[in-house]
Amino acid sequence: MSKLILLAIILLLSSGCATVKYNGGDIKRTKIDYPEVGAIVTAYVGDNLVAKGTIYESNVLVVHKLIDGILYDIPPKKYHQLGYDLIS
């Protein structure tokens, strides 16, 4: 019986869990300022006349269909990247 318990403890300790580094995803920031001050531009019907602000882009994982697992289910939606780990 003690050998079985010892084997169970060894298996639990040797099967490590993967952890995520919560250091944020790779976020790209782009400033938009159109048209420039003093510039003369031509716009047509349906065109944007002005655009000003900041665009933030990040990596996402899109799950289109339900992933049915044995112990858990992953519902379909967009999952933002929480972090990353560089493999050296």
Protein backbone atom coordinates (compact mmCIF):
# COMPACT_ATOMS: atom_id res chain seq x y z
CA MET A 1 0.00 0.00 0.00
CA SER A 2 2.84 2.40 0.84
CA LYS A 3 4.46 1.69 -2.55
CA LEU A 4 1.23 2.68 -4.26
CA ILE A 5 1.05 5.94 -2.31
CA LEU A 6 4.72 6.65 -3.05
CA LEU A 7 4.12 6.00 -6.75
CA ALA A 8 1.10 8.33 -6.73
CA ILE A 9 3.12 11.11 -5.06
CA ILE A 10 5.96 10.73 -7.58
CA LEU A 11 3.51 10.87 -10.49
CA LEU A 12 1.83 13.99 -9.09
CA LEU A 13 5.15 15.78 -8.57
CA SER A 14 6.60 14.81 -11.93
CA SER A 15 3.57 15.88 -13.96
CA GLY A 16 4.03 19.64 -13.77
CA CYS A 17 1.42 22.14 -14.82
CA ALA A 18 2.03 24.66 -17.56
CA THR A 19 1.76 28.25 -16.40
CA VAL A 20 1.21 31.40 -18.43
CA LYS A 21 3.38 34.45 -17.94
CA TYR A 22 0.91 37.34 -17.64
CA ASN A 23 3.22 39.84 -19.28
CA GLY A 24 0.67 41.06 -21.79
CA GLY A 25 0.42 40.30 -25.45
CA ASP A 26 2.28 42.02 -28.22
CA ILE A 27 0.15 45.16 -28.63
CA LYS A 28 0.72 47.40 -31.65
CA ARG A 29 -0.29 51.06 -31.34
CA THR A 30 -0.85 53.32 -34.35
CA LYS A 31 -1.73 57.02 -34.15
CA ILE A 32 -4.12 58.30 -36.79
CA ASP A 33 -4.27 62.00 -37.74
CA TYR A 34 -5.79 62.54 -41.18
CA PRO A 35 -5.67 64.96 -42.87
CA GLU A 36 -2.64 66.82 -41.63
CA VAL A 37 -3.23 70.36 -40.40
CA GLY A 38 -3.20 72.82 -43.32
CA ALA A 39 -3.40 70.13 -46.02
CA ILE A 40 -5.95 70.50 -48.80
CA VAL A 41 -7.59 67.21 -49.77
CA THR A 42 -10.50 66.13 -51.93
CA ALA A 43 -13.23 63.86 -50.58
CA TYR A 44 -16.09 62.22 -52.42
CA VAL A 45 -19.51 61.09 -51.23
CA GLY A 46 -19.06 58.27 -48.72
CA ASP A 47 -15.37 59.02 -48.01
CA ASN A 48 -14.14 59.75 -44.50
CA LEU A 49 -13.43 63.45 -44.09
CA VAL A 50 -11.33 63.28 -40.94
CA ALA A 51 -9.82 60.56 -38.78
CA LYS A 52 -8.08 61.13 -35.48
CA GLY A 53 -7.24 58.80 -32.64
CA THR A 54 -5.25 55.73 -31.72
CA ILE A 55 -5.67 52.18 -33.03
CA TYR A 56 -4.64 49.31 -30.75
CA GLU A 57 -4.08 45.87 -32.30
CA SER A 58 -3.42 42.68 -30.36
CA ASN A 59 -3.21 38.97 -31.09
CA VAL A 60 -6.33 36.88 -30.55
CA LEU A 61 -7.27 33.23 -30.88
CA VAL A 62 -10.63 32.77 -32.59
CA VAL A 63 -12.51 29.58 -31.75
CA HIS A 64 -15.33 29.11 -34.28
CA LYS A 65 -16.94 25.92 -32.93
CA LEU A 66 -17.30 24.45 -29.45
CA ILE A 67 -14.30 22.30 -28.50
CA ASP A 68 -15.66 19.44 -26.43
CA GLY A 69 -13.02 18.05 -24.08
CA ILE A 70 -13.18 15.29 -21.50
CA LEU A 71 -12.70 17.57 -18.48
CA TYR A 72 -13.63 20.96 -19.95
CA ASP A 73 -15.30 22.66 -22.91
CA ILE A 74 -13.96 25.68 -24.80
CA PRO A 75 -16.82 27.89 -26.04
CA PRO A 76 -16.57 29.70 -29.39
CA LYS A 77 -15.38 33.30 -29.00
CA LYS A 78 -12.27 35.50 -29.33
CA TYR A 79 -9.57 34.94 -26.70
CA HIS A 80 -7.08 37.79 -26.25
CA GLN A 81 -3.43 36.88 -25.69
CA LEU A 82 -2.55 37.17 -22.00
CA GLY A 83 1.17 36.72 -22.29
CA TYR A 84 4.01 34.91 -23.95
CA ASP A 85 7.20 33.06 -23.14
CA LEU A 86 10.26 33.34 -25.35
CA ILE A 87 11.93 29.99 -25.90
CA SER A 88 15.69 30.38 -25.90
